[in-house]
Structures are given as structure tokens and as C-alpha cells.
Amino acid sequence: MKKLESEIVYDKLKNNFNDILNLVGEDTSRNGLIKTPHRAAKSMQFLLKGYDQDPDAIIQKAMFDEEYSEMVIVKDIELYSLCEHHLLPIFGKAHVAYIPNKSIVGLSKIARVVDVFARRLQVQERLTNQILESLQKNLKPLGVAVVIEAQHMCMMMRGVQKQNSVTTTSAFRGAFNKLETRSEFLRLISNDLH
């Protein structure tokens, strides 16, 4: 069993959520709250399951030799994360591209790698780099590009309360440092081709 999914972790999370509810003045014996510590503990185990997953193993299980050397893009990958500063949701889309260098990876594995890193406490800047570095390390491609567009509930629900703000981060390696390759990638993720 993975560490985060263990019963010991679940019990501790449940007890801590019960304490939090009591500290804010709630009655945890109230009908609507009786199972809330249980549900919150299970939710936290799910939302942070990326700590128990290995992105390298995910990629390495689905690598194939292929002489394709043009850009491969998986765009509009939904992502959901938690801000490490406030434990509030971050949600948006990741756009990931790479140019193979004799190895390709199953397309679903790119989305899985996004999920592994998103299902950890995050800041968007680190999330962007972690996705890129994992693909770079394992595939050793000619280039990798990652763009994330996301909304942060910590900016929308509290603090400055800007409901329409979207944060965009990007990271580029190899061939994507060339202006023409980067421009092609940005054009393709901006177009509605489907």
C-alpha cells in the first residue's frame, strides 16, 4: 500500500479535520458534519496522491523507438492542484510539446505526468518546470515545451479577490529556445484545430 493511502494517514487526517472543525466553532456531532472529517480525509488522500506516484516510471513504461522527429503536442490537458500557500484549488490547462529524438511516449502518459505533479501541493511555476524536466530527463528529446494557464482560488476567493484573473507560465528547452519553433508551438496551442 502506498504511504498516503494508508489507514494510519487516513486516521490522522480524519482526526485533524475533526479538530479543525471544532476549532472554527462547528459542532462535529451535527448531522451534516458527522461524516465530514471522513470525507475530507479521503478527499485529501486523493488530491495529493501524486506524492505516491513516480512520473519517471510512468514515462519509462510507455517509451517506444520511433524515427519521428517533428513536434508532438498534447494540449488542453485539464489540471487540478492545491496551492501550497493556502490549500485552495488551482485549476486550468496544460499544453505540452516535445520533439522526439528516436523515442516517443504514449500520449496518455503525458497527461498522467501532468496529473502526478498537479496532485501535490504546488505553485504554478514549479509545476510547469517539473513537467518539463520529467519529459526532458526520460525522453531526451530535441526539445520540450510546457505552457500552463490556470486560475487560483487563493486569488479569487480571498486576498485580492480577482475572479477573472488567469496565470500563464511557460518553460522551454532545446529546440523550443529557437524563436521559430517556439512561435509554431504557441500558434498551434492558440488555434482551435479540432
N, C-alpha and C. Protein backbone atom coordinates (compact mmCIF):
# COMPACT_ATOMS: atom_id res chain seq x y z
N MET A 1 0.84 -1.19 0.00
CA MET A 1 0.00 0.00 0.00
C MET A 1 0.89 1.25 0.00
N LYS A 2 0.48 2.25 -0.72
CA LYS A 2 1.24 3.48 -0.79
C LYS A 2 1.05 4.27 0.51
N LYS A 3 2.05 5.06 0.82
CA LYS A 3 2.09 5.77 2.10
C LYS A 3 0.85 6.63 2.35
N LEU A 4 0.50 7.49 1.39
CA LEU A 4 -0.61 8.42 1.59
C LEU A 4 -1.95 7.70 1.70
N GLU A 5 -2.07 6.53 1.07
CA GLU A 5 -3.32 5.78 1.11
C GLU A 5 -3.46 4.92 2.36
N SER A 6 -2.48 4.93 3.24
CA SER A 6 -2.51 4.05 4.40
C SER A 6 -3.60 4.44 5.39
N GLU A 7 -4.05 3.47 6.15
CA GLU A 7 -5.07 3.71 7.18
C GLU A 7 -4.56 4.65 8.27
N ILE A 8 -3.26 4.55 8.58
CA ILE A 8 -2.68 5.43 9.61
C ILE A 8 -2.79 6.88 9.19
N VAL A 9 -2.43 7.17 7.93
CA VAL A 9 -2.53 8.54 7.42
C VAL A 9 -3.99 8.97 7.40
N TYR A 10 -4.87 8.10 6.93
CA TYR A 10 -6.30 8.42 6.90
C TYR A 10 -6.81 8.78 8.30
N ASP A 11 -6.49 7.97 9.30
CA ASP A 11 -6.96 8.23 10.67
C ASP A 11 -6.45 9.57 11.18
N LYS A 12 -5.18 9.87 10.92
CA LYS A 12 -4.62 11.14 11.38
C LYS A 12 -5.29 12.32 10.68
N LEU A 13 -5.48 12.20 9.37
CA LEU A 13 -6.16 13.27 8.63
C LEU A 13 -7.58 13.47 9.17
N LYS A 14 -8.29 12.39 9.36
CA LYS A 14 -9.67 12.48 9.86
C LYS A 14 -9.72 13.18 11.21
N ASN A 15 -8.85 12.79 12.12
CA ASN A 15 -8.81 13.41 13.44
C ASN A 15 -8.46 14.89 13.37
N ASN A 16 -7.51 15.22 12.48
CA ASN A 16 -7.12 16.62 12.33
C ASN A 16 -8.25 17.46 11.74
N PHE A 17 -8.97 16.93 10.76
CA PHE A 17 -10.10 17.66 10.20
C PHE A 17 -11.19 17.84 11.26
N ASN A 18 -11.40 16.84 12.07
CA ASN A 18 -12.36 16.96 13.17
C ASN A 18 -11.95 18.10 14.11
N ASP A 19 -10.66 18.15 14.45
CA ASP A 19 -10.15 19.22 15.32
C ASP A 19 -10.33 20.59 14.68
N ILE A 20 -10.04 20.70 13.37
CA ILE A 20 -10.19 21.99 12.67
C ILE A 20 -11.64 22.46 12.74
N LEU A 21 -12.57 21.56 12.47
CA LEU A 21 -13.98 21.94 12.52
C LEU A 21 -14.38 22.42 13.91
N ASN A 22 -13.90 21.73 14.93
CA ASN A 22 -14.19 22.16 16.31
C ASN A 22 -13.55 23.51 16.61
N LEU A 23 -12.32 23.73 16.13
CA LEU A 23 -11.61 24.99 16.39
C LEU A 23 -12.31 26.19 15.77
N VAL A 24 -12.96 26.00 14.61
CA VAL A 24 -13.65 27.14 13.98
C VAL A 24 -15.05 27.34 14.56
N GLY A 25 -15.42 26.53 15.56
CA GLY A 25 -16.69 26.73 16.25
C GLY A 25 -17.82 25.85 15.78
N GLU A 26 -17.53 24.85 14.97
CA GLU A 26 -18.58 23.95 14.50
C GLU A 26 -18.82 22.84 15.49
N ASP A 27 -19.98 22.24 15.38
CA ASP A 27 -20.36 21.09 16.20
C ASP A 27 -20.23 19.84 15.32
N THR A 28 -19.17 19.06 15.51
CA THR A 28 -18.92 17.91 14.65
C THR A 28 -19.89 16.76 14.88
N SER A 29 -20.75 16.90 15.88
CA SER A 29 -21.78 15.89 16.06
C SER A 29 -23.07 16.27 15.32
N ARG A 30 -23.05 17.47 14.70
CA ARG A 30 -24.20 17.93 13.92
C ARG A 30 -24.38 17.02 12.71
N ASN A 31 -25.62 16.73 12.37
CA ASN A 31 -25.94 15.78 11.30
C ASN A 31 -25.14 16.00 10.02
N GLY A 32 -25.05 17.21 9.55
CA GLY A 32 -24.36 17.50 8.29
C GLY A 32 -22.85 17.35 8.36
N LEU A 33 -22.31 17.33 9.58
CA LEU A 33 -20.85 17.28 9.74
C LEU A 33 -20.32 15.96 10.27
N ILE A 34 -21.19 15.03 10.62
CA ILE A 34 -20.73 13.78 11.23
C ILE A 34 -19.70 13.07 10.35
N LYS A 35 -19.95 13.01 9.06
CA LYS A 35 -19.01 12.30 8.17
C LYS A 35 -18.03 13.22 7.45
N THR A 36 -18.08 14.51 7.73
CA THR A 36 -17.20 15.46 7.05
C THR A 36 -15.73 15.18 7.29
N PRO A 37 -15.26 14.90 8.51
CA PRO A 37 -13.84 14.57 8.68
C PRO A 37 -13.42 13.36 7.85
N HIS A 38 -14.29 12.36 7.75
CA HIS A 38 -14.01 11.18 6.92
C HIS A 38 -13.89 11.58 5.46
N ARG A 39 -14.87 12.33 4.95
CA ARG A 39 -14.85 12.73 3.54
C ARG A 39 -13.66 13.63 3.24
N ALA A 40 -13.35 14.55 4.15
CA ALA A 40 -12.22 15.46 3.93
C ALA A 40 -10.90 14.70 3.92
N ALA A 41 -10.76 13.71 4.78
CA ALA A 41 -9.53 12.89 4.81
C ALA A 41 -9.38 12.12 3.50
N LYS A 42 -10.45 11.49 3.04
CA LYS A 42 -10.42 10.75 1.78
C LYS A 42 -10.13 11.69 0.60
N SER A 43 -10.73 12.86 0.65
CA SER A 43 -10.50 13.85 -0.40
C SER A 43 -9.03 14.27 -0.44
N MET A 44 -8.45 14.53 0.72
CA MET A 44 -7.05 14.95 0.78
C MET A 44 -6.13 13.84 0.27
N GLN A 45 -6.45 12.59 0.61
CA GLN A 45 -5.65 11.47 0.10
C GLN A 45 -5.70 11.42 -1.42
N PHE A 46 -6.86 11.68 -2.00
CA PHE A 46 -6.99 11.67 -3.46
C PHE A 46 -6.29 12.88 -4.09
N LEU A 47 -6.53 14.07 -3.53
CA LEU A 47 -6.00 15.30 -4.13
C LEU A 47 -4.48 15.37 -4.08
N LEU A 48 -3.87 14.64 -3.15
CA LEU A 48 -2.41 14.68 -3.01
C LEU A 48 -1.75 13.35 -3.35
N LYS A 49 -2.43 12.51 -4.13
CA LYS A 49 -1.90 11.18 -4.44
C LYS A 49 -0.64 11.22 -5.30
N GLY A 50 -0.33 12.37 -5.87
CA GLY A 50 0.88 12.50 -6.68
C GLY A 50 2.16 12.24 -5.90
N TYR A 51 2.11 12.43 -4.58
CA TYR A 51 3.30 12.15 -3.76
C TYR A 51 3.67 10.66 -3.78
N ASP A 52 2.68 9.81 -4.02
CA ASP A 52 2.92 8.37 -4.05
C ASP A 52 3.15 7.82 -5.45
N GLN A 53 3.25 8.70 -6.44
CA GLN A 53 3.42 8.26 -7.82
C GLN A 53 4.77 8.69 -8.38
N ASP A 54 5.31 7.88 -9.26
CA ASP A 54 6.63 8.12 -9.85
C ASP A 54 6.47 8.49 -11.32
N PRO A 55 6.66 9.78 -11.66
CA PRO A 55 6.48 10.18 -13.06
C PRO A 55 7.47 9.51 -14.00
N ASP A 56 8.69 9.26 -13.52
CA ASP A 56 9.69 8.61 -14.36
C ASP A 56 9.23 7.21 -14.76
N ALA A 57 8.69 6.46 -13.80
CA ALA A 57 8.22 5.10 -14.10
C ALA A 57 7.06 5.13 -15.09
N ILE A 58 6.20 6.12 -14.98
CA ILE A 58 5.06 6.25 -15.90
C ILE A 58 5.56 6.43 -17.33
N ILE A 59 6.53 7.31 -17.52
CA ILE A 59 7.07 7.56 -18.86
C ILE A 59 7.82 6.34 -19.37
N GLN A 60 8.67 5.77 -18.54
CA GLN A 60 9.54 4.68 -18.98
C GLN A 60 8.76 3.43 -19.36
N LYS A 61 7.57 3.23 -18.82
CA LYS A 61 6.76 2.06 -19.17
C LYS A 61 6.13 2.18 -20.56
N ALA A 62 6.15 3.37 -21.13
CA ALA A 62 5.46 3.56 -22.40
C ALA A 62 6.32 4.29 -23.42
N MET A 63 7.62 4.03 -23.40
CA MET A 63 8.52 4.61 -24.40
C MET A 63 8.71 3.63 -25.55
N PHE A 64 8.75 4.19 -26.76
CA PHE A 64 8.88 3.37 -27.95
C PHE A 64 9.91 3.98 -28.89
N ASP A 65 10.68 3.13 -29.55
CA ASP A 65 11.62 3.60 -30.56
C ASP A 65 10.83 4.01 -31.79
N GLU A 66 11.10 5.21 -32.27
CA GLU A 66 10.40 5.70 -33.45
C GLU A 66 11.25 6.79 -34.08
N GLU A 67 11.34 6.80 -35.39
CA GLU A 67 12.18 7.78 -36.10
C GLU A 67 11.44 9.08 -36.38
N TYR A 68 10.37 9.35 -35.71
CA TYR A 68 9.62 10.60 -35.87
C TYR A 68 10.37 11.73 -35.19
N SER A 69 10.54 12.85 -35.89
CA SER A 69 11.30 13.96 -35.30
C SER A 69 10.63 15.31 -35.52
N GLU A 70 9.30 15.29 -35.57
CA GLU A 70 8.53 16.53 -35.67
C GLU A 70 7.83 16.77 -34.34
N MET A 71 7.28 17.94 -34.19
CA MET A 71 6.65 18.33 -32.93
C MET A 71 5.42 17.47 -32.61
N VAL A 72 5.35 17.03 -31.36
CA VAL A 72 4.19 16.30 -30.83
C VAL A 72 3.59 17.19 -29.73
N ILE A 73 2.31 17.52 -29.86
CA ILE A 73 1.66 18.41 -28.89
C ILE A 73 0.45 17.71 -28.30
N VAL A 74 0.34 17.76 -26.99
CA VAL A 74 -0.90 17.38 -26.30
C VAL A 74 -1.36 18.64 -25.60
N LYS A 75 -2.48 19.19 -26.05
CA LYS A 75 -2.92 20.47 -25.48
C LYS A 75 -4.24 20.31 -24.74
N ASP A 76 -4.55 21.32 -23.97
CA ASP A 76 -5.80 21.37 -23.19
C ASP A 76 -5.91 20.21 -22.20
N ILE A 77 -4.81 19.84 -21.57
CA ILE A 77 -4.83 18.81 -20.53
C ILE A 77 -5.36 19.44 -19.26
N GLU A 78 -6.53 19.01 -18.83
CA GLU A 78 -7.11 19.58 -17.61
C GLU A 78 -6.20 19.27 -16.42
N LEU A 79 -6.04 20.27 -15.55
CA LEU A 79 -5.27 20.00 -14.34
C LEU A 79 -5.97 20.63 -13.14
N TYR A 80 -5.81 19.94 -12.02
CA TYR A 80 -6.37 20.38 -10.74
C TYR A 80 -5.29 20.17 -9.70
N SER A 81 -5.02 21.22 -8.93
CA SER A 81 -3.98 21.14 -7.92
C SER A 81 -4.43 21.93 -6.69
N LEU A 82 -3.56 21.95 -5.69
CA LEU A 82 -3.80 22.75 -4.49
C LEU A 82 -2.62 23.68 -4.28
N CYS A 83 -2.92 24.94 -4.06
CA CYS A 83 -1.90 25.94 -3.76
C CYS A 83 -1.24 25.60 -2.43
N GLU A 84 0.08 25.55 -2.43
CA GLU A 84 0.78 25.18 -1.20
C GLU A 84 0.74 26.28 -0.14
N HIS A 85 0.34 27.48 -0.51
CA HIS A 85 0.30 28.57 0.46
C HIS A 85 -1.02 28.64 1.23
N HIS A 86 -2.12 28.26 0.58
CA HIS A 86 -3.44 28.40 1.21
C HIS A 86 -4.28 27.14 1.17
N LEU A 87 -3.78 26.09 0.52
CA LEU A 87 -4.51 24.83 0.36
C LEU A 87 -5.83 25.04 -0.38
N LEU A 88 -5.85 25.98 -1.30
CA LEU A 88 -7.03 26.23 -2.12
C LEU A 88 -6.75 25.76 -3.55
N PRO A 89 -7.81 25.46 -4.31
CA PRO A 89 -7.63 24.88 -5.64
C PRO A 89 -6.96 25.80 -6.66
N ILE A 90 -6.18 25.15 -7.51
CA ILE A 90 -5.66 25.73 -8.75
C ILE A 90 -6.24 24.83 -9.85
N PHE A 91 -6.82 25.44 -10.88
CA PHE A 91 -7.36 24.62 -11.97
C PHE A 91 -7.14 25.31 -13.30
N GLY A 92 -6.90 24.50 -14.31
CA GLY A 92 -6.66 25.07 -15.62
C GLY A 92 -6.28 24.02 -16.63
N LYS A 93 -5.40 24.43 -17.58
CA LYS A 93 -5.00 23.55 -18.67
C LYS A 93 -3.49 23.61 -18.85
N ALA A 94 -2.94 22.46 -19.19
CA ALA A 94 -1.53 22.38 -19.57
C ALA A 94 -1.45 22.05 -21.06
N HIS A 95 -0.48 22.64 -21.72
CA HIS A 95 -0.17 22.36 -23.12
C HIS A 95 1.28 21.90 -23.14
N VAL A 96 1.50 20.69 -23.63
CA VAL A 96 2.83 20.09 -23.57
C VAL A 96 3.24 19.64 -24.97
N ALA A 97 4.49 19.94 -25.33
CA ALA A 97 5.02 19.51 -26.62
C ALA A 97 6.44 18.99 -26.45
N TYR A 98 6.81 18.09 -27.34
CA TYR A 98 8.20 17.66 -27.41
C TYR A 98 8.53 17.29 -28.84
N ILE A 99 9.81 17.34 -29.15
CA ILE A 99 10.30 16.91 -30.46
C ILE A 99 11.14 15.66 -30.21
N PRO A 100 10.65 14.50 -30.65
CA PRO A 100 11.33 13.24 -30.34
C PRO A 100 12.75 13.16 -30.89
N ASN A 101 13.54 12.40 -30.19
CA ASN A 101 14.91 12.10 -30.61
C ASN A 101 15.08 10.58 -30.56
N LYS A 102 14.39 9.89 -31.46
CA LYS A 102 14.39 8.42 -31.59
C LYS A 102 13.51 7.71 -30.57
N SER A 103 12.89 8.44 -29.64
CA SER A 103 11.96 7.82 -28.67
C SER A 103 10.71 8.66 -28.57
N ILE A 104 9.57 7.98 -28.58
CA ILE A 104 8.30 8.65 -28.32
C ILE A 104 7.70 8.02 -27.07
N VAL A 105 6.68 8.68 -26.52
CA VAL A 105 5.99 8.16 -25.34
C VAL A 105 4.50 8.10 -25.63
N GLY A 106 3.81 7.13 -25.05
CA GLY A 106 2.36 7.07 -25.20
C GLY A 106 1.73 8.39 -24.78
N LEU A 107 0.84 8.90 -25.59
CA LEU A 107 0.27 10.24 -25.36
C LEU A 107 -0.41 10.37 -24.00
N SER A 108 -1.09 9.31 -23.56
CA SER A 108 -1.78 9.40 -22.26
C SER A 108 -0.80 9.57 -21.12
N LYS A 109 0.45 9.15 -21.32
CA LYS A 109 1.45 9.27 -20.26
C LYS A 109 1.82 10.72 -20.01
N ILE A 110 1.73 11.55 -21.04
CA ILE A 110 1.99 12.98 -20.86
C ILE A 110 0.95 13.57 -19.92
N ALA A 111 -0.32 13.22 -20.15
CA ALA A 111 -1.38 13.70 -19.26
C ALA A 111 -1.20 13.14 -17.84
N ARG A 112 -0.76 11.91 -17.74
CA ARG A 112 -0.52 11.30 -16.41
C ARG A 112 0.60 12.02 -15.66
N VAL A 113 1.64 12.40 -16.38
CA VAL A 113 2.74 13.13 -15.74
C VAL A 113 2.24 14.48 -15.23
N VAL A 114 1.41 15.15 -16.02
CA VAL A 114 0.81 16.40 -15.55
C VAL A 114 0.05 16.15 -14.24
N ASP A 115 -0.75 15.09 -14.21
CA ASP A 115 -1.53 14.77 -13.01
C ASP A 115 -0.65 14.45 -11.81
N VAL A 116 0.42 13.70 -12.01
CA VAL A 116 1.29 13.33 -10.90
C VAL A 116 1.80 14.58 -10.19
N PHE A 117 2.28 15.53 -10.96
CA PHE A 117 2.83 16.74 -10.33
C PHE A 117 1.73 17.68 -9.84
N ALA A 118 0.58 17.71 -10.53
CA ALA A 118 -0.52 18.56 -10.09
C ALA A 118 -1.13 18.05 -8.79
N ARG A 119 -1.10 16.74 -8.57
CA ARG A 119 -1.68 16.15 -7.36
C ARG A 119 -0.68 16.19 -6.19
N ARG A 120 -0.01 17.31 -6.08
CA ARG A 120 0.89 17.62 -4.96
C ARG A 120 0.63 19.08 -4.59
N LEU A 121 1.02 19.50 -3.41
CA LEU A 121 0.92 20.93 -3.09
C LEU A 121 1.86 21.66 -4.04
N GLN A 122 1.35 22.74 -4.66
CA GLN A 122 2.11 23.33 -5.76
C GLN A 122 2.07 24.85 -5.77
N VAL A 123 3.01 25.38 -6.53
CA VAL A 123 2.94 26.71 -7.12
C VAL A 123 3.03 26.45 -8.62
N GLN A 124 2.39 27.27 -9.39
CA GLN A 124 2.29 27.01 -10.83
C GLN A 124 3.65 27.01 -11.51
N GLU A 125 4.53 27.87 -11.05
CA GLU A 125 5.86 27.95 -11.67
C GLU A 125 6.62 26.63 -11.53
N ARG A 126 6.59 26.05 -10.33
CA ARG A 126 7.28 24.77 -10.11
C ARG A 126 6.62 23.66 -10.90
N LEU A 127 5.29 23.63 -10.91
CA LEU A 127 4.55 22.62 -11.65
C LEU A 127 4.97 22.62 -13.12
N THR A 128 5.07 23.78 -13.72
CA THR A 128 5.48 23.92 -15.12
C THR A 128 6.86 23.29 -15.34
N ASN A 129 7.79 23.64 -14.48
CA ASN A 129 9.16 23.12 -14.61
C ASN A 129 9.25 21.62 -14.34
N GLN A 130 8.50 21.12 -13.37
CA GLN A 130 8.56 19.69 -13.06
C GLN A 130 8.10 18.84 -14.24
N ILE A 131 7.03 19.25 -14.89
CA ILE A 131 6.53 18.52 -16.06
C ILE A 131 7.60 18.51 -17.15
N LEU A 132 8.16 19.69 -17.43
CA LEU A 132 9.18 19.80 -18.46
C LEU A 132 10.40 18.94 -18.14
N GLU A 133 10.91 19.05 -16.92
CA GLU A 133 12.13 18.33 -16.54
C GLU A 133 11.94 16.81 -16.58
N SER A 134 10.75 16.34 -16.22
CA SER A 134 10.49 14.90 -16.25
C SER A 134 10.54 14.36 -17.68
N LEU A 135 9.92 15.09 -18.60
CA LEU A 135 9.96 14.67 -20.01
C LEU A 135 11.37 14.78 -20.58
N GLN A 136 12.06 15.86 -20.25
CA GLN A 136 13.43 16.06 -20.74
C GLN A 136 14.35 14.94 -20.25
N LYS A 137 14.26 14.61 -18.98
CA LYS A 137 15.13 13.60 -18.38
C LYS A 137 14.90 12.21 -18.97
N ASN A 138 13.66 11.85 -19.18
CA ASN A 138 13.34 10.48 -19.60
C ASN A 138 13.39 10.27 -21.11
N LEU A 139 12.88 11.23 -21.87
CA LEU A 139 12.83 11.06 -23.33
C LEU A 139 14.09 11.55 -24.03
N LYS A 140 14.80 12.47 -23.38
CA LYS A 140 15.97 13.11 -24.00
C LYS A 140 15.62 13.60 -25.41
N PRO A 141 14.55 14.36 -25.53
CA PRO A 141 14.09 14.82 -26.83
C PRO A 141 14.96 15.98 -27.36
N LEU A 142 14.68 16.38 -28.58
CA LEU A 142 15.36 17.54 -29.16
C LEU A 142 14.87 18.83 -28.52
N GLY A 143 13.68 18.79 -27.92
CA GLY A 143 13.15 19.95 -27.23
C GLY A 143 11.86 19.61 -26.52
N VAL A 144 11.55 20.39 -25.48
CA VAL A 144 10.30 20.23 -24.72
C VAL A 144 9.75 21.62 -24.45
N ALA A 145 8.41 21.74 -24.47
CA ALA A 145 7.74 23.00 -24.14
C ALA A 145 6.53 22.70 -23.28
N VAL A 146 6.31 23.54 -22.27
CA VAL A 146 5.14 23.41 -21.41
C VAL A 146 4.58 24.80 -21.16
N VAL A 147 3.28 24.95 -21.39
CA VAL A 147 2.57 26.18 -21.04
C VAL A 147 1.38 25.78 -20.18
N ILE A 148 1.21 26.46 -19.06
CA ILE A 148 0.06 26.22 -18.19
C ILE A 148 -0.71 27.52 -18.03
N GLU A 149 -2.03 27.43 -18.21
CA GLU A 149 -2.95 28.54 -17.97
C GLU A 149 -3.87 28.08 -16.84
N ALA A 150 -3.88 28.83 -15.73
CA ALA A 150 -4.67 28.36 -14.59
C ALA A 150 -5.26 29.52 -13.79
N GLN A 151 -6.31 29.17 -13.09
CA GLN A 151 -6.94 30.09 -12.15
C GLN A 151 -6.65 29.59 -10.75
N HIS A 152 -6.46 30.54 -9.85
CA HIS A 152 -6.07 30.24 -8.47
C HIS A 152 -7.15 30.74 -7.52
N MET A 153 -7.78 29.81 -6.82
CA MET A 153 -8.84 30.21 -5.89
C MET A 153 -8.30 31.07 -4.75
N CYS A 154 -7.01 30.96 -4.45
CA CYS A 154 -6.45 31.81 -3.40
C CYS A 154 -6.43 33.28 -3.83
N MET A 155 -6.46 33.53 -5.14
CA MET A 155 -6.54 34.89 -5.66
C MET A 155 -7.99 35.31 -5.89
N MET A 156 -8.88 34.34 -6.03
CA MET A 156 -10.26 34.63 -6.38
C MET A 156 -11.17 34.72 -5.15
N MET A 157 -10.97 33.83 -4.18
CA MET A 157 -11.86 33.75 -3.02
C MET A 157 -11.42 34.61 -1.85
N ARG A 158 -10.14 34.91 -1.80
CA ARG A 158 -9.58 35.64 -0.66
C ARG A 158 -8.58 36.66 -1.20
N GLY A 159 -7.88 37.33 -0.34
CA GLY A 159 -6.85 38.27 -0.79
C GLY A 159 -7.41 39.33 -1.72
N VAL A 160 -6.87 39.42 -2.93
CA VAL A 160 -7.28 40.47 -3.87
C VAL A 160 -8.65 40.21 -4.50
N GLN A 161 -9.15 39.00 -4.44
CA GLN A 161 -10.48 38.63 -4.94
C GLN A 161 -10.70 39.06 -6.39
N LYS A 162 -9.81 38.62 -7.27
CA LYS A 162 -9.91 38.93 -8.70
C LYS A 162 -10.40 37.69 -9.43
N GLN A 163 -11.71 37.61 -9.64
CA GLN A 163 -12.35 36.41 -10.17
C GLN A 163 -12.00 36.08 -11.61
N ASN A 164 -11.57 37.03 -12.39
CA ASN A 164 -11.31 36.77 -13.80
C ASN A 164 -9.83 36.65 -14.14
N SER A 165 -8.99 36.57 -13.14
CA SER A 165 -7.55 36.50 -13.41
C SER A 165 -7.14 35.09 -13.83
N VAL A 166 -6.23 35.02 -14.77
CA VAL A 166 -5.66 33.76 -15.25
C VAL A 166 -4.14 33.93 -15.24
N THR A 167 -3.46 32.94 -14.72
CA THR A 167 -1.99 32.98 -14.68
C THR A 167 -1.45 32.04 -15.75
N THR A 168 -0.50 32.53 -16.53
CA THR A 168 0.14 31.72 -17.56
C THR A 168 1.62 31.59 -17.24
N THR A 169 2.11 30.35 -17.25
CA THR A 169 3.54 30.10 -17.06
C THR A 169 4.02 29.26 -18.24
N SER A 170 5.31 29.38 -18.54
CA SER A 170 5.86 28.61 -19.64
C SER A 170 7.29 28.21 -19.33
N ALA A 171 7.72 27.12 -19.96
CA ALA A 171 9.10 26.66 -19.86
C ALA A 171 9.46 25.99 -21.18
N PHE A 172 10.68 26.24 -21.65
CA PHE A 172 11.13 25.74 -22.94
C PHE A 172 12.55 25.21 -22.82
N ARG A 173 12.83 24.11 -23.52
CA ARG A 173 14.18 23.54 -23.57
C ARG A 173 14.51 23.14 -25.01
N GLY A 174 15.79 23.10 -25.28
CA GLY A 174 16.26 22.60 -26.57
C GLY A 174 15.74 23.40 -27.74
N ALA A 175 15.19 22.70 -28.73
CA ALA A 175 14.73 23.32 -29.97
C ALA A 175 13.69 24.40 -29.74
N PHE A 176 12.98 24.35 -28.61
CA PHE A 176 11.95 25.36 -28.34
C PHE A 176 12.55 26.69 -27.90
N ASN A 177 13.86 26.75 -27.71
CA ASN A 177 14.52 28.03 -27.45
C ASN A 177 14.72 28.83 -28.73
N LYS A 178 14.53 28.16 -29.88
CA LYS A 178 14.58 28.87 -31.17
C LYS A 178 13.23 29.56 -31.38
N LEU A 179 13.28 30.80 -31.76
CA LEU A 179 12.07 31.60 -31.90
C LEU A 179 11.06 30.97 -32.85
N GLU A 180 11.52 30.44 -33.99
CA GLU A 180 10.56 29.90 -34.96
C GLU A 180 9.85 28.65 -34.44
N THR A 181 10.55 27.78 -33.69
CA THR A 181 9.94 26.58 -33.12
C THR A 181 8.96 26.96 -32.01
N ARG A 182 9.41 27.87 -31.16
CA ARG A 182 8.54 28.33 -30.06
C ARG A 182 7.28 29.00 -30.63
N SER A 183 7.45 29.82 -31.65
CA SER A 183 6.29 30.51 -32.26
C SER A 183 5.31 29.52 -32.87
N GLU A 184 5.82 28.47 -33.53
CA GLU A 184 4.93 27.45 -34.09
C GLU A 184 4.12 26.77 -32.99
N PHE A 185 4.80 26.40 -31.90
CA PHE A 185 4.12 25.77 -30.76
C PHE A 185 3.03 26.69 -30.20
N LEU A 186 3.37 27.94 -29.94
CA LEU A 186 2.41 28.88 -29.36
C LEU A 186 1.23 29.12 -30.31
N ARG A 187 1.51 29.16 -31.61
CA ARG A 187 0.43 29.33 -32.59
C ARG A 187 -0.49 28.11 -32.58
N LEU A 188 0.09 26.92 -32.54
CA LEU A 188 -0.72 25.70 -32.57
C LEU A 188 -1.57 25.52 -31.31
N ILE A 189 -1.05 25.89 -30.15
CA ILE A 189 -1.89 25.75 -28.95
C ILE A 189 -2.93 26.84 -28.85
N SER A 190 -2.73 27.94 -29.59
CA SER A 190 -3.71 29.05 -29.57
C SER A 190 -4.84 28.81 -30.56
N ASN A 191 -4.58 28.04 -31.62
CA ASN A 191 -5.59 27.77 -32.64
C ASN A 191 -6.53 26.67 -32.19
N ASP A 192 -7.77 26.81 -32.63
CA ASP A 192 -8.75 25.75 -32.40
C ASP A 192 -8.77 24.85 -33.63
N LEU A 193 -7.92 23.82 -33.63
CA LEU A 193 -7.75 22.97 -34.81
C LEU A 193 -8.71 21.79 -34.84
N HIS A 194 -9.44 21.53 -33.78
CA HIS A 194 -10.29 20.34 -33.77
C HIS A 194 -11.71 20.63 -34.10
